[in-house]
Amino acid sequence: MSVVIGSIWIGVGVAWLVLAWLGSQGRLRYRSIWGIRSSWARTSPEVWTEAHRELAVGVGVGGGVTVLGGLIILVGGADDVIGTVGLLVGVAGSVIGQFVGIRRAKAAVGRMSGT
């Protein structure tokens, strides 16, 4: 069971890392299904690109921490304290990374619009 749970968390972390890389390189198409779906990020292609460049920082770090949590689960097993710590690390990395990324993206959009 720990192999399945650890692999899922590693997959989630890798997905966040790919999204962060695409955003940092400006490779997410404007108004695509991937990325920030809020109206403040979709006002123009320039705002979209800058918001995703800023988002990439938090999501990239969070993705890395999520992969680390998955590896901890794989090594330690899912049924003991180490597995629980790995799960908490994975969840915290994912949630905090997205929170930080969205805050950075909103701040960048605010700077671009002058508010």
PDB file of N, CA and C in Angstrom:
ATOM      1  N   MET A   1       0.817  -1.206   0.000  1.00  0.00           N
ATOM      2  CA  MET A   1       0.000   0.000   0.000  1.00  0.00           C
ATOM      3  C   MET A   1       0.855   1.262   0.000  1.00  0.00           C
ATOM      4  N   SER A   2       2.011   1.206   0.691  1.00  0.00           N
ATOM      5  CA  SER A   2       2.863   2.396   0.739  1.00  0.00           C
ATOM      6  C   SER A   2       3.433   2.725  -0.635  1.00  0.00           C
ATOM      7  N   VAL A   3       3.618   1.695  -1.464  1.00  0.00           N
ATOM      8  CA  VAL A   3       4.123   1.943  -2.814  1.00  0.00           C
ATOM      9  C   VAL A   3       3.097   2.739  -3.621  1.00  0.00           C
ATOM     10  N   VAL A   4       1.833   2.403  -3.475  1.00  0.00           N
ATOM     11  CA  VAL A   4       0.776   3.102  -4.215  1.00  0.00           C
ATOM     12  C   VAL A   4       0.656   4.541  -3.727  1.00  0.00           C
ATOM     13  N   ILE A   5       0.573   4.730  -2.424  1.00  0.00           N
ATOM     14  CA  ILE A   5       0.415   6.078  -1.870  1.00  0.00           C
ATOM     15  C   ILE A   5       1.641   6.937  -2.179  1.00  0.00           C
ATOM     16  N   GLY A   6       2.825   6.391  -1.978  1.00  0.00           N
ATOM     17  CA  GLY A   6       4.043   7.138  -2.281  1.00  0.00           C
ATOM     18  C   GLY A   6       4.136   7.495  -3.752  1.00  0.00           C
ATOM     19  N   SER A   7       3.766   6.558  -4.616  1.00  0.00           N
ATOM     20  CA  SER A   7       3.812   6.823  -6.057  1.00  0.00           C
ATOM     21  C   SER A   7       2.814   7.899  -6.468  1.00  0.00           C
ATOM     22  N   ILE A   8       1.656   7.886  -5.854  1.00  0.00           N
ATOM     23  CA  ILE A   8       0.656   8.927  -6.156  1.00  0.00           C
ATOM     24  C   ILE A   8       1.204  10.297  -5.784  1.00  0.00           C
ATOM     25  N   TRP A   9       1.801  10.414  -4.582  1.00  0.00           N
ATOM     26  CA  TRP A   9       2.335  11.709  -4.156  1.00  0.00           C
ATOM     27  C   TRP A   9       3.514  12.148  -5.014  1.00  0.00           C
ATOM     28  N   ILE A  10       4.325  11.199  -5.428  1.00  0.00           N
ATOM     29  CA  ILE A  10       5.417  11.551  -6.339  1.00  0.00           C
ATOM     30  C   ILE A  10       4.843  12.047  -7.661  1.00  0.00           C
ATOM     31  N   GLY A  11       3.802  11.390  -8.154  1.00  0.00           N
ATOM     32  CA  GLY A  11       3.152  11.834  -9.393  1.00  0.00           C
ATOM     33  C   GLY A  11       2.557  13.224  -9.270  1.00  0.00           C
ATOM     34  N   VAL A  12       1.918  13.501  -8.150  1.00  0.00           N
ATOM     35  CA  VAL A  12       1.360  14.844  -7.924  1.00  0.00           C
ATOM     36  C   VAL A  12       2.484  15.882  -7.906  1.00  0.00           C
ATOM     37  N   GLY A  13       3.565  15.567  -7.210  1.00  0.00           N
ATOM     38  CA  GLY A  13       4.697  16.491  -7.145  1.00  0.00           C
ATOM     39  C   GLY A  13       5.318  16.737  -8.511  1.00  0.00           C
ATOM     40  N   VAL A  14       5.449  15.679  -9.296  1.00  0.00           N
ATOM     41  CA  VAL A  14       6.009  15.839 -10.648  1.00  0.00           C
ATOM     42  C   VAL A  14       5.078  16.680 -11.513  1.00  0.00           C
ATOM     43  N   ALA A  15       3.766  16.490 -11.374  1.00  0.00           N
ATOM     44  CA  ALA A  15       2.814  17.322 -12.135  1.00  0.00           C
ATOM     45  C   ALA A  15       2.980  18.796 -11.775  1.00  0.00           C
ATOM     46  N   TRP A  16       3.157  19.104 -10.475  1.00  0.00           N
ATOM     47  CA  TRP A  16       3.371  20.497 -10.061  1.00  0.00           C
ATOM     48  C   TRP A  16       4.683  21.033 -10.617  1.00  0.00           C
ATOM     49  N   LEU A  17       5.715  20.187 -10.631  1.00  0.00           N
ATOM     50  CA  LEU A  17       7.004  20.621 -11.181  1.00  0.00           C
ATOM     51  C   LEU A  17       6.905  20.912 -12.674  1.00  0.00           C
ATOM     52  N   VAL A  18       6.166  20.088 -13.408  1.00  0.00           N
ATOM     53  CA  VAL A  18       5.979  20.324 -14.850  1.00  0.00           C
ATOM     54  C   VAL A  18       5.200  21.616 -15.070  1.00  0.00           C
ATOM     55  N   LEU A  19       4.138  21.818 -14.296  1.00  0.00           N
ATOM     56  CA  LEU A  19       3.363  23.057 -14.420  1.00  0.00           C
ATOM     57  C   LEU A  19       4.227  24.269 -14.100  1.00  0.00           C
ATOM     58  N   ALA A  20       5.051  24.164 -13.071  1.00  0.00           N
ATOM     59  CA  ALA A  20       5.938  25.275 -12.711  1.00  0.00           C
ATOM     60  C   ALA A  20       6.935  25.553 -13.830  1.00  0.00           C
ATOM     61  N   TRP A  21       7.491  24.499 -14.403  1.00  0.00           N
ATOM     62  CA  TRP A  21       8.460  24.697 -15.492  1.00  0.00           C
ATOM     63  C   TRP A  21       7.786  25.340 -16.697  1.00  0.00           C
ATOM     64  N   LEU A  22       6.609  24.854 -17.078  1.00  0.00           N
ATOM     65  CA  LEU A  22       5.909  25.442 -18.231  1.00  0.00           C
ATOM     66  C   LEU A  22       5.574  26.908 -17.973  1.00  0.00           C
ATOM     67  N   GLY A  23       5.135  27.213 -16.749  1.00  0.00           N
ATOM     68  CA  GLY A  23       4.807  28.599 -16.415  1.00  0.00           C
ATOM     69  C   GLY A  23       6.022  29.500 -16.408  1.00  0.00           C
ATOM     70  N   SER A  24       7.130  28.999 -15.892  1.00  0.00           N
ATOM     71  CA  SER A  24       8.338  29.824 -15.818  1.00  0.00           C
ATOM     72  C   SER A  24       8.919  30.098 -17.201  1.00  0.00           C
ATOM     73  N   GLN A  25       8.695  29.210 -18.146  1.00  0.00           N
ATOM     74  CA  GLN A  25       9.206  29.380 -19.496  1.00  0.00           C
ATOM     75  C   GLN A  25       8.227  30.119 -20.420  1.00  0.00           C
ATOM     76  N   GLY A  26       7.059  30.473 -19.897  1.00  0.00           N
ATOM     77  CA  GLY A  26       6.054  31.151 -20.713  1.00  0.00           C
ATOM     78  C   GLY A  26       5.428  30.231 -21.757  1.00  0.00           C
ATOM     79  N   ARG A  27       5.369  28.938 -21.468  1.00  0.00           N
ATOM     80  CA  ARG A  27       4.869  27.967 -22.436  1.00  0.00           C
ATOM     81  C   ARG A  27       3.417  27.571 -22.224  1.00  0.00           C
ATOM     82  N   LEU A  28       2.758  28.139 -21.234  1.00  0.00           N
ATOM     83  CA  LEU A  28       1.338  27.864 -21.058  1.00  0.00           C
ATOM     84  C   LEU A  28       0.547  28.793 -21.972  1.00  0.00           C
ATOM     85  N   ARG A  29      -0.245  28.194 -22.832  1.00  0.00           N
ATOM     86  CA  ARG A  29      -1.026  29.010 -23.765  1.00  0.00           C
ATOM     87  C   ARG A  29      -2.039  29.869 -23.013  1.00  0.00           C
ATOM     88  N   TYR A  30      -2.258  31.059 -23.530  1.00  0.00           N
ATOM     89  CA  TYR A  30      -3.196  32.000 -22.942  1.00  0.00           C
ATOM     90  C   TYR A  30      -4.585  31.366 -22.886  1.00  0.00           C
ATOM     91  N   ARG A  31      -5.178  31.395 -21.695  1.00  0.00           N
ATOM     92  CA  ARG A  31      -6.499  30.853 -21.423  1.00  0.00           C
ATOM     93  C   ARG A  31      -6.611  29.355 -21.684  1.00  0.00           C
ATOM     94  N   SER A  32      -5.512  28.643 -21.507  1.00  0.00           N
ATOM     95  CA  SER A  32      -5.567  27.190 -21.678  1.00  0.00           C
ATOM     96  C   SER A  32      -6.226  26.557 -20.458  1.00  0.00           C
ATOM     97  N   ILE A  33      -6.435  25.267 -20.535  1.00  0.00           N
ATOM     98  CA  ILE A  33      -7.053  24.550 -19.422  1.00  0.00           C
ATOM     99  C   ILE A  33      -6.100  24.461 -18.236  1.00  0.00           C
ATOM    100  N   TRP A  34      -4.790  24.517 -18.497  1.00  0.00           N
ATOM    101  CA  TRP A  34      -3.784  24.465 -17.446  1.00  0.00           C
ATOM    102  C   TRP A  34      -3.509  25.861 -16.940  1.00  0.00           C
ATOM    103  N   GLY A  35      -3.292  26.006 -15.661  1.00  0.00           N
ATOM    104  CA  GLY A  35      -2.894  27.297 -15.107  1.00  0.00           C
ATOM    105  C   GLY A  35      -3.982  27.947 -14.284  1.00  0.00           C
ATOM    106  N   ILE A  36      -3.793  29.217 -14.042  1.00  0.00           N
ATOM    107  CA  ILE A  36      -4.717  29.990 -13.205  1.00  0.00           C
ATOM    108  C   ILE A  36      -5.970  30.290 -14.010  1.00  0.00           C
ATOM    109  N   ARG A  37      -7.117  29.916 -13.478  1.00  0.00           N
ATOM    110  CA  ARG A  37      -8.382  30.101 -14.187  1.00  0.00           C
ATOM    111  C   ARG A  37      -9.163  31.324 -13.692  1.00  0.00           C
ATOM    112  N   SER A  38      -8.561  32.162 -12.877  1.00  0.00           N
ATOM    113  CA  SER A  38      -9.247  33.331 -12.334  1.00  0.00           C
ATOM    114  C   SER A  38      -9.304  34.450 -13.364  1.00  0.00           C
ATOM    115  N   SER A  39     -10.299  35.308 -13.212  1.00  0.00           N
ATOM    116  CA  SER A  39     -10.468  36.407 -14.164  1.00  0.00           C
ATOM    117  C   SER A  39      -9.310  37.400 -14.104  1.00  0.00           C
ATOM    118  N   TRP A  40      -8.704  37.586 -12.936  1.00  0.00           N
ATOM    119  CA  TRP A  40      -7.606  38.540 -12.825  1.00  0.00           C
ATOM    120  C   TRP A  40      -6.373  38.083 -13.581  1.00  0.00           C
ATOM    121  N   ALA A  41      -6.224  36.783 -13.815  1.00  0.00           N
ATOM    122  CA  ALA A  41      -5.054  36.285 -14.546  1.00  0.00           C
ATOM    123  C   ALA A  41      -5.307  36.204 -16.046  1.00  0.00           C
ATOM    124  N   ARG A  42      -6.561  36.313 -16.458  1.00  0.00           N
ATOM    125  CA  ARG A  42      -6.891  36.154 -17.870  1.00  0.00           C
ATOM    126  C   ARG A  42      -7.210  37.481 -18.552  1.00  0.00           C
ATOM    127  N   THR A  43      -6.767  38.586 -17.995  1.00  0.00           N
ATOM    128  CA  THR A  43      -7.102  39.875 -18.591  1.00  0.00           C
ATOM    129  C   THR A  43      -6.363  40.144 -19.891  1.00  0.00           C
ATOM    130  N   SER A  44      -5.146  39.644 -20.015  1.00  0.00           N
ATOM    131  CA  SER A  44      -4.382  39.808 -21.258  1.00  0.00           C
ATOM    132  C   SER A  44      -3.302  38.733 -21.317  1.00  0.00           C
ATOM    133  N   PRO A  45      -2.751  38.481 -22.505  1.00  0.00           N
ATOM    134  CA  PRO A  45      -1.673  37.487 -22.594  1.00  0.00           C
ATOM    135  C   PRO A  45      -0.438  37.865 -21.779  1.00  0.00           C
ATOM    136  N   GLU A  46      -0.138  39.144 -21.681  1.00  0.00           N
ATOM    137  CA  GLU A  46       1.022  39.577 -20.905  1.00  0.00           C
ATOM    138  C   GLU A  46       0.820  39.312 -19.416  1.00  0.00           C
ATOM    139  N   VAL A  47      -0.370  39.610 -18.923  1.00  0.00           N
ATOM    140  CA  VAL A  47      -0.687  39.360 -17.514  1.00  0.00           C
ATOM    141  C   VAL A  47      -0.669  37.860 -17.245  1.00  0.00           C
ATOM    142  N   TRP A  48      -1.234  37.077 -18.153  1.00  0.00           N
ATOM    143  CA  TRP A  48      -1.246  35.614 -18.025  1.00  0.00           C
ATOM    144  C   TRP A  48       0.179  35.076 -17.865  1.00  0.00           C
ATOM    145  N   THR A  49       1.072  35.519 -18.749  1.00  0.00           N
ATOM    146  CA  THR A  49       2.450  35.036 -18.733  1.00  0.00           C
ATOM    147  C   THR A  49       3.161  35.435 -17.441  1.00  0.00           C
ATOM    148  N   GLU A  50       3.028  36.695 -17.051  1.00  0.00           N
ATOM    149  CA  GLU A  50       3.709  37.160 -15.838  1.00  0.00           C
ATOM    150  C   GLU A  50       3.145  36.474 -14.591  1.00  0.00           C
ATOM    151  N   ALA A  51       1.835  36.286 -14.535  1.00  0.00           N
ATOM    152  CA  ALA A  51       1.231  35.615 -13.383  1.00  0.00           C
ATOM    153  C   ALA A  51       1.766  34.189 -13.251  1.00  0.00           C
ATOM    154  N   HIS A  52       1.921  33.505 -14.372  1.00  0.00           N
ATOM    155  CA  HIS A  52       2.409  32.130 -14.313  1.00  0.00           C
ATOM    156  C   HIS A  52       3.909  32.050 -14.049  1.00  0.00           C
ATOM    157  N   ARG A  53       4.639  33.065 -14.427  1.00  0.00           N
ATOM    158  CA  ARG A  53       6.064  33.094 -14.059  1.00  0.00           C
ATOM    159  C   ARG A  53       6.224  33.242 -12.555  1.00  0.00           C
ATOM    160  N   GLU A  54       5.397  34.064 -11.957  1.00  0.00           N
ATOM    161  CA  GLU A  54       5.449  34.227 -10.499  1.00  0.00           C
ATOM    162  C   GLU A  54       4.882  33.003  -9.785  1.00  0.00           C
ATOM    163  N   LEU A  55       3.839  32.416 -10.330  1.00  0.00           N
ATOM    164  CA  LEU A  55       3.247  31.212  -9.753  1.00  0.00           C
ATOM    165  C   LEU A  55       4.247  30.074  -9.719  1.00  0.00           C
ATOM    166  N   ALA A  56       5.116  30.018 -10.706  1.00  0.00           N
ATOM    167  CA  ALA A  56       6.064  28.906 -10.849  1.00  0.00           C
ATOM    168  C   ALA A  56       6.986  28.771  -9.641  1.00  0.00           C
ATOM    169  N   VAL A  57       7.305  29.866  -8.983  1.00  0.00           N
ATOM    170  CA  VAL A  57       8.218  29.799  -7.841  1.00  0.00           C
ATOM    171  C   VAL A  57       7.607  28.963  -6.712  1.00  0.00           C
ATOM    172  N   GLY A  58       6.427  29.325  -6.297  1.00  0.00           N
ATOM    173  CA  GLY A  58       5.782  28.606  -5.192  1.00  0.00           C
ATOM    174  C   GLY A  58       5.402  27.193  -5.558  1.00  0.00           C
ATOM    175  N   VAL A  59       4.849  27.015  -6.750  1.00  0.00           N
ATOM    176  CA  VAL A  59       4.412  25.690  -7.169  1.00  0.00           C
ATOM    177  C   VAL A  59       5.613  24.767  -7.382  1.00  0.00           C
ATOM    178  N   GLY A  60       6.719  25.305  -7.866  1.00  0.00           N
ATOM    179  CA  GLY A  60       7.920  24.493  -8.048  1.00  0.00           C
ATOM    180  C   GLY A  60       8.476  23.996  -6.729  1.00  0.00           C
ATOM    181  N   VAL A  61       8.576  24.884  -5.761  1.00  0.00           N
ATOM    182  CA  VAL A  61       9.061  24.473  -4.438  1.00  0.00           C
ATOM    183  C   VAL A  61       8.082  23.484  -3.805  1.00  0.00           C
ATOM    184  N   GLY A  62       6.792  23.785  -3.906  1.00  0.00           N
ATOM    185  CA  GLY A  62       5.785  22.870  -3.364  1.00  0.00           C
ATOM    186  C   GLY A  62       5.814  21.511  -4.041  1.00  0.00           C
ATOM    187  N   GLY A  63       6.034  21.490  -5.350  1.00  0.00           N
ATOM    188  CA  GLY A  63       6.142  20.219  -6.066  1.00  0.00           C
ATOM    189  C   GLY A  63       7.336  19.408  -5.613  1.00  0.00           C
ATOM    190  N   GLY A  64       8.444  20.084  -5.388  1.00  0.00           N
ATOM    191  CA  GLY A  64       9.638  19.392  -4.892  1.00  0.00           C
ATOM    192  C   GLY A  64       9.421  18.798  -3.513  1.00  0.00           C
ATOM    193  N   VAL A  65       8.767  19.542  -2.642  1.00  0.00           N
ATOM    194  CA  VAL A  65       8.482  19.049  -1.292  1.00  0.00           C
ATOM    195  C   VAL A  65       7.483  17.891  -1.353  1.00  0.00           C
ATOM    196  N   THR A  66       6.528  17.965  -2.271  1.00  0.00           N
ATOM    197  CA  THR A  66       5.558  16.884  -2.431  1.00  0.00           C
ATOM    198  C   THR A  66       6.242  15.607  -2.902  1.00  0.00           C
ATOM    199  N   VAL A  67       7.179  15.720  -3.836  1.00  0.00           N
ATOM    200  CA  VAL A  67       7.958  14.555  -4.263  1.00  0.00           C
ATOM    201  C   VAL A  67       8.734  13.995  -3.074  1.00  0.00           C
ATOM    202  N   LEU A  68       9.323  14.853  -2.269  1.00  0.00           N
ATOM    203  CA  LEU A  68      10.052  14.411  -1.082  1.00  0.00           C
ATOM    204  C   LEU A  68       9.129  13.642  -0.138  1.00  0.00           C
ATOM    205  N   GLY A  69       7.918  14.152   0.062  1.00  0.00           N
ATOM    206  CA  GLY A  69       6.954  13.442   0.908  1.00  0.00           C
ATOM    207  C   GLY A  69       6.623  12.067   0.357  1.00  0.00           C
ATOM    208  N   GLY A  70       6.467  11.962  -0.964  1.00  0.00           N
ATOM    209  CA  GLY A  70       6.215  10.661  -1.579  1.00  0.00           C
ATOM    210  C   GLY A  70       7.373   9.704  -1.402  1.00  0.00           C
ATOM    211  N   LEU A  71       8.586  10.220  -1.506  1.00  0.00           N
ATOM    212  CA  LEU A  71       9.767   9.373  -1.293  1.00  0.00           C
ATOM    213  C   LEU A  71       9.854   8.894   0.156  1.00  0.00           C
ATOM    214  N   ILE A  72       9.497   9.770   1.094  1.00  0.00           N
ATOM    215  CA  ILE A  72       9.494   9.370   2.505  1.00  0.00           C
ATOM    216  C   ILE A  72       8.496   8.241   2.729  1.00  0.00           C
ATOM    217  N   ILE A  73       7.337   8.321   2.098  1.00  0.00           N
ATOM    218  CA  ILE A  73       6.336   7.258   2.227  1.00  0.00           C
ATOM    219  C   ILE A  73       6.861   5.961   1.623  1.00  0.00           C
ATOM    220  N   LEU A  74       7.509   6.063   0.461  1.00  0.00           N
ATOM    221  CA  LEU A  74       8.055   4.857  -0.171  1.00  0.00           C
ATOM    222  C   LEU A  74       9.101   4.187   0.709  1.00  0.00           C
ATOM    223  N   VAL A  75       9.977   4.970   1.302  1.00  0.00           N
ATOM    224  CA  VAL A  75      11.059   4.411   2.114  1.00  0.00           C
ATOM    225  C   VAL A  75      10.551   3.932   3.466  1.00  0.00           C
ATOM    226  N   GLY A  76       9.708   4.730   4.099  1.00  0.00           N
ATOM    227  CA  GLY A  76       9.297   4.427   5.463  1.00  0.00           C
ATOM    228  C   GLY A  76       8.072   3.559   5.585  1.00  0.00           C
ATOM    229  N   GLY A  77       7.282   3.427   4.523  1.00  0.00           N
ATOM    230  CA  GLY A  77       6.037   2.690   4.621  1.00  0.00           C
ATOM    231  C   GLY A  77       4.905   3.604   5.033  1.00  0.00           C
ATOM    232  N   ALA A  78       3.692   3.203   4.687  1.00  0.00           N
ATOM    233  CA  ALA A  78       2.529   4.058   4.945  1.00  0.00           C
ATOM    234  C   ALA A  78       1.884   3.807   6.295  1.00  0.00           C
ATOM    235  N   ASP A  79       2.270   2.745   6.974  1.00  0.00           N
ATOM    236  CA  ASP A  79       1.556   2.344   8.187  1.00  0.00           C
ATOM    237  C   ASP A  79       2.207   2.779   9.485  1.00  0.00           C
ATOM    238  N   ASP A  80       3.301   3.516   9.410  1.00  0.00           N
ATOM    239  CA  ASP A  80       3.974   3.897  10.645  1.00  0.00           C
ATOM    240  C   ASP A  80       4.135   5.412  10.705  1.00  0.00           C
ATOM    241  N   VAL A  81       4.865   5.856  11.707  1.00  0.00           N
ATOM    242  CA  VAL A  81       5.040   7.291  11.938  1.00  0.00           C
ATOM    243  C   VAL A  81       5.757   7.967  10.775  1.00  0.00           C
ATOM    244  N   ILE A  82       6.759   7.301  10.212  1.00  0.00           N
ATOM    245  CA  ILE A  82       7.511   7.896   9.104  1.00  0.00           C
ATOM    246  C   ILE A  82       6.607   8.108   7.895  1.00  0.00           C
ATOM    247  N   GLY A  83       5.732   7.140   7.612  1.00  0.00           N
ATOM    248  CA  GLY A  83       4.791   7.302   6.511  1.00  0.00           C
ATOM    249  C   GLY A  83       3.819   8.444   6.740  1.00  0.00           C
ATOM    250  N   THR A  84       3.373   8.596   7.980  1.00  0.00           N
ATOM    251  CA  THR A  84       2.481   9.704   8.321  1.00  0.00           C
ATOM    252  C   THR A  84       3.189  11.041   8.133  1.00  0.00           C
ATOM    253  N   VAL A  85       4.441  11.104   8.559  1.00  0.00           N
ATOM    254  CA  VAL A  85       5.227  12.322   8.354  1.00  0.00           C
ATOM    255  C   VAL A  85       5.382  12.601   6.859  1.00  0.00           C
ATOM    256  N   GLY A  86       5.652  11.562   6.074  1.00  0.00           N
ATOM    257  CA  GLY A  86       5.761  11.731   4.629  1.00  0.00           C
ATOM    258  C   GLY A  86       4.480  12.254   4.014  1.00  0.00           C
ATOM    259  N   LEU A  87       3.348  11.725   4.457  1.00  0.00           N
ATOM    260  CA  LEU A  87       2.058  12.196   3.950  1.00  0.00           C
ATOM    261  C   LEU A  87       1.830  13.653   4.321  1.00  0.00           C
ATOM    262  N   LEU A  88       2.143  14.007   5.552  1.00  0.00           N
ATOM    263  CA  LEU A  88       1.978  15.402   5.975  1.00  0.00           C
ATOM    264  C   LEU A  88       2.908  16.337   5.209  1.00  0.00           C
ATOM    265  N   VAL A  89       4.138  15.898   4.970  1.00  0.00           N
ATOM    266  CA  VAL A  89       5.077  16.701   4.188  1.00  0.00           C
ATOM    267  C   VAL A  89       4.545  16.899   2.775  1.00  0.00           C
ATOM    268  N   GLY A  90       4.031  15.830   2.170  1.00  0.00           N
ATOM    269  CA  GLY A  90       3.499  15.928   0.816  1.00  0.00           C
ATOM    270  C   GLY A  90       2.305  16.865   0.718  1.00  0.00           C
ATOM    271  N   VAL A  91       1.371  16.725   1.629  1.00  0.00           N
ATOM    272  CA  VAL A  91       0.184  17.580   1.619  1.00  0.00           C
ATOM    273  C   VAL A  91       0.564  19.030   1.900  1.00  0.00           C
ATOM    274  N   ALA A  92       1.399  19.242   2.907  1.00  0.00           N
ATOM    275  CA  ALA A  92       1.805  20.609   3.251  1.00  0.00           C
ATOM    276  C   ALA A  92       2.570  21.256   2.107  1.00  0.00           C
ATOM    277  N   GLY A  93       3.447  20.511   1.469  1.00  0.00           N
ATOM    278  CA  GLY A  93       4.198  21.064   0.340  1.00  0.00           C
ATOM    279  C   GLY A  93       3.294  21.482  -0.788  1.00  0.00           C
ATOM    280  N   SER A  94       2.324  20.649  -1.088  1.00  0.00           N
ATOM    281  CA  SER A  94       1.410  20.951  -2.176  1.00  0.00           C
ATOM    282  C   SER A  94       0.544  22.181  -1.862  1.00  0.00           C
ATOM    283  N   VAL A  95      -0.038  22.205  -0.682  1.00  0.00           N
ATOM    284  CA  VAL A  95      -0.944  23.304  -0.316  1.00  0.00           C
ATOM    285  C   VAL A  95      -0.189  24.615  -0.132  1.00  0.00           C
ATOM    286  N   ILE A  96       0.899  24.592   0.605  1.00  0.00           N
ATOM    287  CA  ILE A  96       1.651  25.828   0.858  1.00  0.00           C
ATOM    288  C   ILE A  96       2.284  26.349  -0.421  1.00  0.00           C
ATOM    289  N   GLY A  97       2.780  25.455  -1.262  1.00  0.00           N
ATOM    290  CA  GLY A  97       3.356  25.882  -2.534  1.00  0.00           C
ATOM    291  C   GLY A  97       2.348  26.600  -3.411  1.00  0.00           C
ATOM    292  N   GLN A  98       1.140  26.071  -3.472  1.00  0.00           N
ATOM    293  CA  GLN A  98       0.116  26.732  -4.276  1.00  0.00           C
ATOM    294  C   GLN A  98      -0.310  28.054  -3.653  1.00  0.00           C
ATOM    295  N   PHE A  99      -0.429  28.092  -2.349  1.00  0.00           N
ATOM    296  CA  PHE A  99      -0.808  29.331  -1.678  1.00  0.00           C
ATOM    297  C   PHE A  99       0.222  30.435  -1.944  1.00  0.00           C
ATOM    298  N   VAL A 100       1.492  30.098  -1.775  1.00  0.00           N
ATOM    299  CA  VAL A 100       2.560  31.075  -2.010  1.00  0.00           C
ATOM    300  C   VAL A 100       2.587  31.493  -3.478  1.00  0.00           C
ATOM    301  N   GLY A 101       2.431  30.520  -4.375  1.00  0.00           N
ATOM    302  CA  GLY A 101       2.440  30.832  -5.800  1.00  0.00           C
ATOM    303  C   GLY A 101       1.315  31.770  -6.214  1.00  0.00           C
ATOM    304  N   ILE A 102       0.128  31.518  -5.725  1.00  0.00           N
ATOM    305  CA  ILE A 102      -1.018  32.382  -6.061  1.00  0.00           C
ATOM    306  C   ILE A 102      -0.820  33.775  -5.479  1.00  0.00           C
ATOM    307  N   ARG A 103      -0.303  33.868  -4.253  1.00  0.00           N
ATOM    308  CA  ARG A 103      -0.040  35.194  -3.663  1.00  0.00           C
ATOM    309  C   ARG A 103       0.961  35.978  -4.508  1.00  0.00           C
ATOM    310  N   ARG A 104       2.028  35.305  -4.955  1.00  0.00           N
ATOM    311  CA  ARG A 104       3.041  35.959  -5.799  1.00  0.00           C
ATOM    312  C   ARG A 104       2.443  36.378  -7.139  1.00  0.00           C
ATOM    313  N   ALA A 105       1.606  35.522  -7.708  1.00  0.00           N
ATOM    314  CA  ALA A 105       0.992  35.835  -8.995  1.00  0.00           C
ATOM    315  C   ALA A 105       0.065  37.040  -8.870  1.00  0.00           C
ATOM    316  N   LYS A 106      -0.747  37.072  -7.820  1.00  0.00           N
ATOM    317  CA  LYS A 106      -1.642  38.217  -7.609  1.00  0.00           C
ATOM    318  C   LYS A 106      -0.859  39.508  -7.411  1.00  0.00           C
ATOM    319  N   ALA A 107       0.233  39.436  -6.673  1.00  0.00           N
ATOM    320  CA  ALA A 107       1.061  40.625  -6.458  1.00  0.00           C
ATOM    321  C   ALA A 107       1.666  41.107  -7.772  1.00  0.00           C
ATOM    322  N   ALA A 108       2.088  40.185  -8.616  1.00  0.00           N
ATOM    323  CA  ALA A 108       2.659  40.572  -9.914  1.00  0.00           C
ATOM    324  C   ALA A 108       1.607  41.219 -10.794  1.00  0.00           C
ATOM    325  N   VAL A 109       0.416  40.678 -10.799  1.00  0.00           N
ATOM    326  CA  VAL A 109      -0.672  41.266 -11.586  1.00  0.00           C
ATOM    327  C   VAL A 109      -1.011  42.652 -11.055  1.00  0.00           C
ATOM    328  N   GLY A 110      -0.999  42.805  -9.727  1.00  0.00           N
ATOM    329  CA  GLY A 110      -1.252  44.125  -9.128  1.00  0.00           C
ATOM    330  C   GLY A 110      -0.192  45.138  -9.525  1.00  0.00           C
ATOM    331  N   ARG A 111       1.068  44.715  -9.569  1.00  0.00           N
ATOM    332  CA  ARG A 111       2.141  45.619 -10.007  1.00  0.00           C
ATOM    333  C   ARG A 111       1.982  46.004 -11.462  1.00  0.00           C
ATOM    334  N   MET A 112       1.538  45.068 -12.272  1.00  0.00           N
ATOM    335  CA  MET A 112       1.371  45.356 -13.704  1.00  0.00           C
ATOM    336  C   MET A 112       0.230  46.325 -13.960  1.00  0.00           C
ATOM    337  N   SER A 113      -0.830  46.212 -13.141  1.00  0.00           N
ATOM    338  CA  SER A 113      -1.983  47.078 -13.343  1.00  0.00           C
ATOM    339  C   SER A 113      -1.882  48.383 -12.573  1.00  0.00           C
ATOM    340  N   GLY A 114      -0.861  48.493 -11.717  1.00  0.00           N
ATOM    341  CA  GLY A 114      -0.644  49.738 -10.980  1.00  0.00           C
ATOM    342  C   GLY A 114      -1.501  49.878  -9.742  1.00  0.00           C
ATOM    343  N   THR A 115      -2.104  48.776  -9.274  1.00  0.00           N
ATOM    344  CA  THR A 115      -2.923  48.856  -8.067  1.00  0.00           C
ATOM    345  C   THR A 115      -2.203  48.319  -6.879  1.00  0.00           C
TER     346      THR A 115
END
